[in-house]
Protein backbone atom coordinates (compact mmCIF):
# COMPACT_ATOMS: atom_id res chain seq x y z
CA MET A 1 76.53 38.96 -1.39
CA LYS A 2 74.38 35.90 -1.30
CA SER A 3 75.06 33.26 -3.87
CA CYS A 4 72.51 32.55 -6.56
CA PHE A 5 71.99 29.16 -4.98
CA ALA A 6 71.12 30.68 -1.63
CA VAL A 7 68.72 33.16 -3.20
CA CYS A 8 67.00 30.47 -5.24
CA TYR A 9 66.74 28.20 -2.21
CA ALA A 10 65.19 30.96 -0.14
CA LYS A 11 62.65 31.73 -2.85
CA ASN A 12 61.73 28.08 -3.30
CA SER A 13 61.40 27.61 0.44
CA SER A 14 59.12 30.61 0.67
CA LEU A 15 57.06 29.40 -2.29
CA GLY A 16 56.85 25.89 -0.86
CA GLY A 17 55.64 27.24 2.46
CA SER A 18 52.96 29.25 0.71
CA LYS A 19 51.79 26.16 -1.18
CA VAL A 20 51.58 24.13 2.02
CA SER A 21 49.71 26.92 3.77
CA LEU A 22 47.30 27.21 0.85
CA SER A 23 46.75 23.45 0.79
CA ILE A 24 45.98 23.40 4.51
CA THR A 25 43.55 26.29 4.11
CA LEU A 26 41.79 24.55 1.22
CA LEU A 27 41.64 21.29 3.18
CA LYS A 28 40.11 23.05 6.18
CA SER A 29 37.57 24.76 3.94
CA SER A 30 36.65 21.46 2.31
CA LEU A 31 36.25 19.73 5.66
CA LEU A 32 34.13 22.60 6.94
CA ALA A 33 31.91 22.45 3.85
CA LEU A 34 31.60 18.67 4.22
CA CYS A 35 30.62 18.96 7.87
CA MET A 36 28.06 21.61 7.03
CA ALA A 37 26.63 19.43 4.27
CA ILE A 38 26.40 16.44 6.61
CA ALA A 39 24.74 18.57 9.27
CA ALA A 40 22.29 19.98 6.74
CA GLY A 41 21.55 16.48 5.45
CA ALA A 42 20.93 15.24 8.97
CA ALA A 43 18.66 18.17 9.65
CA HIS A 44 16.64 17.41 6.52
CA ALA A 45 16.73 13.60 6.75
CA ARG A 46 13.31 12.15 6.08
CA ILE A 47 11.40 10.50 8.89
CA LYS A 48 10.94 6.80 8.15
CA VAL A 49 7.35 5.53 8.11
CA ILE A 50 6.57 1.83 7.58
CA VAL A 51 3.49 1.23 5.42
CA ALA A 52 2.22 -2.34 5.77
CA THR A 53 -0.50 -4.08 3.79
CA ASP A 54 -1.44 -7.39 2.19
CA SER A 55 -1.62 -8.24 -1.50
CA TRP A 56 -4.48 -6.97 -3.68
CA GLY A 57 -4.14 -9.19 -6.71
CA LYS A 58 -2.14 -7.43 -9.42
CA LEU A 59 -2.87 -4.06 -7.83
CA MET A 60 -0.50 -4.71 -4.91
CA TYR A 61 1.91 -7.62 -5.11
CA LEU A 62 5.54 -8.67 -4.73
CA ASP A 63 7.49 -9.19 -7.93
CA SER A 64 10.16 -11.85 -8.44
CA LYS A 65 12.64 -9.69 -6.52
CA LYS A 66 10.18 -9.21 -3.62
CA VAL A 67 9.61 -5.56 -4.54
CA PRO A 68 6.04 -4.19 -4.13
CA ARG A 69 4.43 -3.52 -7.52
CA GLY A 70 1.03 -2.57 -8.92
CA ASP A 71 -1.19 0.50 -9.17
CA LEU A 72 -1.82 0.65 -5.42
CA ALA A 73 1.89 0.28 -4.67
CA ASP A 74 2.60 3.13 -7.10
CA PHE A 75 -0.01 5.28 -5.34
CA VAL A 76 1.60 4.66 -1.95
CA ASN A 77 5.06 5.42 -3.36
CA ARG A 78 3.78 8.72 -4.75
CA MET A 79 3.60 9.90 -1.14
CA ASN A 80 7.40 10.08 -1.27
CA THR A 81 7.24 12.39 -4.27
CA VAL A 82 4.66 14.98 -3.20
CA GLN A 83 6.52 15.89 0.01
CA ASN A 84 10.03 15.68 1.49
CA LYS A 85 9.52 15.32 5.25
CA PHE A 86 8.69 11.61 5.44
CA HIS A 87 9.99 8.52 3.70
CA PHE A 88 7.32 5.84 3.29
CA GLU A 89 8.62 2.29 3.08
CA LEU A 90 6.04 -0.15 1.71
CA VAL A 91 6.02 -3.75 2.98
CA ILE A 92 3.58 -6.51 1.96
CA TYR A 93 2.67 -9.22 4.48
CA PRO A 94 0.28 -12.20 4.49
CA ARG A 95 -3.16 -11.00 5.61
CA LEU A 96 -3.25 -12.83 8.96
CA ARG A 97 0.25 -11.66 9.90
CA LEU A 98 -0.74 -8.01 9.51
CA ASP A 99 -2.72 -7.97 12.75
CA ARG A 100 0.35 -9.03 14.70
CA ILE A 101 2.52 -6.51 12.83
CA PHE A 102 0.34 -3.62 13.99
CA LEU A 103 -0.20 -5.03 17.47
CA ASP A 104 3.58 -5.20 17.86
CA LYS A 105 3.94 -1.66 16.44
CA GLN A 106 6.18 -2.85 13.63
CA ALA A 107 4.28 -0.72 11.11
CA ASP A 108 2.90 2.80 11.15
CA VAL A 109 0.35 3.11 8.33
CA TYR A 110 -2.23 0.70 6.88
CA PRO A 111 -3.06 2.13 3.44
CA LEU A 112 -6.46 2.20 1.75
CA ARG A 113 -8.30 0.48 4.54
CA THR A 114 -11.44 1.08 6.59
CA ILE A 115 -11.45 1.41 10.35
CA ALA A 116 -14.50 -0.89 10.37
CA TRP A 117 -12.22 -3.81 9.51
CA THR A 118 -9.64 -3.26 12.23
CA ARG A 119 -9.57 -4.08 15.92
CA PRO A 120 -9.47 -1.28 18.54
CA GLU A 121 -6.28 -2.69 20.04
CA HIS A 122 -4.46 -1.97 16.77
CA GLY A 123 -4.60 1.71 17.72
CA LEU A 124 -5.22 2.86 14.14
CA LEU A 125 -6.89 6.18 13.28
CA PRO A 126 -8.38 7.04 9.86
CA THR A 127 -7.44 9.92 7.62
CA LYS A 128 -10.00 11.62 5.42
CA THR A 129 -11.65 9.35 2.85
CA ILE A 130 -9.58 8.75 -0.27
CA PHE A 131 -12.28 6.89 -2.18
CA THR A 132 -15.30 4.68 -1.61
CA SER A 133 -15.26 1.08 -2.77
CA GLY A 134 -16.64 -2.31 -1.89
CA ASP A 135 -16.54 -6.08 -2.14
CA ILE A 136 -18.53 -7.70 -4.93
CA TYR A 137 -19.80 -11.20 -5.65
CA PHE A 138 -18.71 -12.99 -8.80
CA ALA A 139 -19.19 -16.42 -10.32
CA ARG A 140 -18.41 -18.45 -13.40
CA SER A 141 -20.61 -17.62 -16.38
CA ALA A 142 -21.11 -21.34 -16.94
CA ASN A 143 -22.28 -22.04 -13.40
CA ARG A 144 -24.69 -24.83 -12.47
CA PHE A 145 -27.48 -22.41 -11.49
CA GLY A 146 -27.93 -20.80 -14.89
CA GLY A 147 -26.25 -17.41 -14.98
CA HIS A 148 -27.10 -14.71 -12.44
CA GLN A 149 -29.42 -16.99 -10.49
CA VAL A 150 -26.28 -18.15 -8.72
CA PHE A 151 -26.43 -14.92 -6.70
CA ASP A 152 -29.89 -15.71 -5.29
CA GLU A 153 -30.01 -16.99 -1.70
CA LEU A 154 -26.25 -16.88 -1.25
CA THR A 155 -26.39 -18.60 2.13
CA THR A 156 -27.28 -21.79 0.25
CA LYS A 157 -24.26 -21.53 -2.08
CA THR A 158 -20.62 -22.44 -1.62
CA VAL A 159 -18.74 -19.16 -1.23
CA ALA A 160 -15.01 -18.40 -1.34
CA GLY A 161 -13.44 -15.42 0.42
CA VAL A 162 -10.13 -14.33 1.89
CA ARG A 163 -9.15 -15.66 5.29
CA GLY A 164 -9.33 -12.92 7.92
CA TYR A 165 -11.51 -10.54 5.88
CA HIS A 166 -14.80 -9.02 7.03
CA TYR A 167 -17.79 -9.86 4.80
CA GLN A 168 -21.36 -8.77 5.34
CA LEU A 169 -22.52 -12.17 4.08
CA PHE A 170 -20.70 -13.68 7.07
CA ASN A 171 -22.09 -11.01 9.43
CA ASN A 172 -18.76 -9.15 9.36
CA ASN A 173 -17.27 -11.85 11.57
CA PRO A 174 -13.81 -12.92 10.33
CA ASP A 175 -13.50 -15.82 12.76
CA GLU A 176 -12.91 -19.01 10.77
CA THR A 177 -14.64 -21.27 13.26
CA TYR A 178 -17.77 -19.13 13.16
CA ILE A 179 -17.78 -18.95 9.35
CA ARG A 180 -17.26 -22.66 8.82
CA LYS A 181 -19.97 -23.49 11.36
CA ASN A 182 -22.61 -21.21 9.86
CA PHE A 183 -21.79 -21.07 6.14
CA ASN A 184 -20.65 -23.33 3.34
CA ALA A 185 -17.48 -21.33 2.87
CA TYR A 186 -13.94 -21.74 1.64
CA LEU A 187 -11.33 -19.36 3.05
CA ILE A 188 -8.34 -18.65 0.81
CA ASP A 189 -5.12 -16.75 1.52
CA SER A 190 -5.50 -14.03 -1.13
CA ASN A 191 -7.93 -12.33 -3.49
CA GLU A 192 -6.19 -13.74 -6.54
CA GLY A 193 -6.47 -17.16 -4.92
CA VAL A 194 -10.24 -16.67 -4.55
CA ILE A 195 -10.55 -15.82 -8.25
CA ARG A 196 -8.56 -18.88 -9.28
CA PHE A 197 -10.59 -21.06 -6.90
CA VAL A 198 -13.94 -20.00 -8.36
CA LEU A 199 -12.78 -20.15 -11.98
CA ALA A 200 -11.63 -23.71 -11.29
CA ASP A 201 -15.28 -24.43 -10.34
CA ARG A 202 -14.41 -25.25 -6.74
CA ALA A 203 -16.95 -22.77 -5.30
CA ASP A 204 -20.18 -21.31 -6.65
CA VAL A 205 -19.45 -17.70 -5.72
CA GLY A 206 -16.43 -15.63 -4.74
CA ILE A 207 -16.12 -12.33 -2.90
CA VAL A 208 -13.35 -9.89 -3.84
CA PRO A 209 -12.80 -6.12 -3.81
CA GLU A 210 -14.34 -4.54 -6.89
CA VAL A 211 -11.01 -2.89 -7.73
CA VAL A 212 -9.31 -6.29 -7.88
CA MET A 213 -12.02 -7.72 -10.12
CA ALA A 214 -11.91 -4.62 -12.35
CA HIS A 215 -8.25 -5.34 -13.03
CA TYR A 216 -8.94 -8.96 -13.96
CA LEU A 217 -11.84 -7.96 -16.21
CA LYS A 218 -9.43 -6.05 -18.43
CA ASP A 219 -8.54 -9.47 -19.84
CA PRO A 220 -11.13 -10.46 -22.51
CA LYS A 221 -10.70 -14.16 -21.67
CA VAL A 222 -11.60 -13.51 -18.03
CA ARG A 223 -14.60 -11.38 -19.05
CA GLU A 224 -15.96 -14.35 -20.98
CA GLN A 225 -15.70 -16.60 -17.93
CA VAL A 226 -16.98 -14.29 -15.18
CA ILE A 227 -20.28 -12.70 -14.20
CA VAL A 228 -20.62 -10.13 -11.41
CA ALA A 229 -23.62 -9.52 -9.16
CA ASP A 230 -25.27 -6.11 -9.46
CA TYR A 231 -24.95 -5.35 -5.75
CA TYR A 232 -22.17 -5.18 -3.19
CA ASP A 233 -21.46 -7.49 -0.31
CA SER A 234 -20.42 -4.31 1.49
CA GLN A 235 -19.31 -0.82 0.61
CA VAL A 236 -16.86 1.22 2.67
CA GLU A 237 -14.90 4.45 2.72
CA LEU A 238 -11.20 3.74 2.32
CA SER A 239 -8.52 5.90 3.91
CA HIS A 240 -5.00 5.53 5.25
CA LEU A 241 -5.03 4.24 8.83
CA VAL A 242 -2.35 5.80 11.01
CA ARG A 243 -0.91 4.32 14.21
CA LYS A 244 -1.80 6.83 16.90
CA ASP A 245 1.62 6.78 18.60
CA GLY A 246 3.66 6.42 15.42
CA PRO A 247 6.10 8.77 13.65
CA ILE A 248 3.38 10.49 11.61
CA SER A 249 0.10 11.97 12.84
CA VAL A 250 -3.33 11.83 11.23
CA GLU A 251 -3.11 15.57 10.57
CA GLN A 252 0.22 15.17 8.79
CA MET A 253 -1.11 12.27 6.74
CA ASN A 254 -4.23 14.25 5.86
CA ALA A 255 -1.97 16.98 4.50
CA ILE A 256 -0.29 14.38 2.28
CA VAL A 257 -3.67 13.08 1.11
CA ASP A 258 -4.55 16.67 0.17
CA LEU A 259 -1.34 16.86 -1.86
CA LEU A 260 -2.24 13.60 -3.63
CA ILE A 261 -5.67 15.04 -4.45
CA ALA A 262 -4.19 18.33 -5.67
CA SER A 263 -1.60 16.53 -7.81
CA GLY A 264 -4.31 14.47 -9.50
CA ASP A 265 -2.96 11.18 -8.15
CA VAL A 266 -6.25 10.23 -6.47
CA LYS A 267 -8.20 10.95 -9.66
CA LYS A 268 -5.72 8.93 -11.71
CA LEU A 269 -5.96 6.01 -9.29
CA LYS A 270 -9.75 5.97 -9.50
CA ALA A 271 -9.53 5.96 -13.29
CA LYS A 272 -7.07 3.06 -13.24
CA LEU A 273 -9.26 1.09 -10.86
CA ARG A 274 -12.35 1.83 -12.95
CA ILE A 275 -14.45 2.11 -9.80
CA GLN A 276 -18.09 1.84 -10.79
CA THR A 277 -21.46 2.04 -9.07
CA TYR A 278 -23.28 -1.07 -7.95
CA SER A 279 -26.42 -1.25 -5.89
CA SER A 280 -26.20 -0.99 -2.12
CA PRO A 281 -25.62 -4.25 -0.25
CA LYS A 282 -28.68 -6.45 0.11
CA LYS A 283 -30.18 -6.48 3.57
């Protein structure tokens, strides 16, 4: 007859072996589940798309931590919410550096832009129109010409605009040498810089996107200082421009634009920008 010790030892050994076997089985199951989760995650990983633009006053700017902020930045970031195939990473560059960024294929999408303002060698293709907007003329209320007369015969006035931009007043030629030779112009690095420049009485007239000016006019103090011409410098259809050999196609981006329209994001953006109707550009 086996001793009690022997019986107990045998039972404990058997129980211990079962525990080890169970632990190994559970470990294998956990590892298998982890591998499946990783594989599934890899299969559903979003495709990275670099969205590059310049600043648009307080509508698109870098905060103190160099994070893009503003209503336009929020609109771009909404593209990450309405779908789950692509991840859009927004980057803000100085205006003149953007051309090189797209020429070197370091970015894939130029948001809310018109193809009329880009060079063919950039290889950018437009999506469907998101909204129509334009550049407007503005001046100080207390200008030396007596109110809105400052907008008469603009070629005789000092005019401030953004370096590298296309303006009808300057025959849509962004070349600085051409502009300085043919116009009494000041070229500034940003739209907000143009507004500050004119309000400091350093130029008679400024040209900025209407959506940028609309944001500034929300401030009662600015409204007292500024008058706006009743016609555009130019008016264009804005869309997202897509690099033709990039990670996302125009068709895929159009589908995302449709989602933004269906979700009400485009309508909300227009309301925030308070886009209004001015007269057509003067010929």
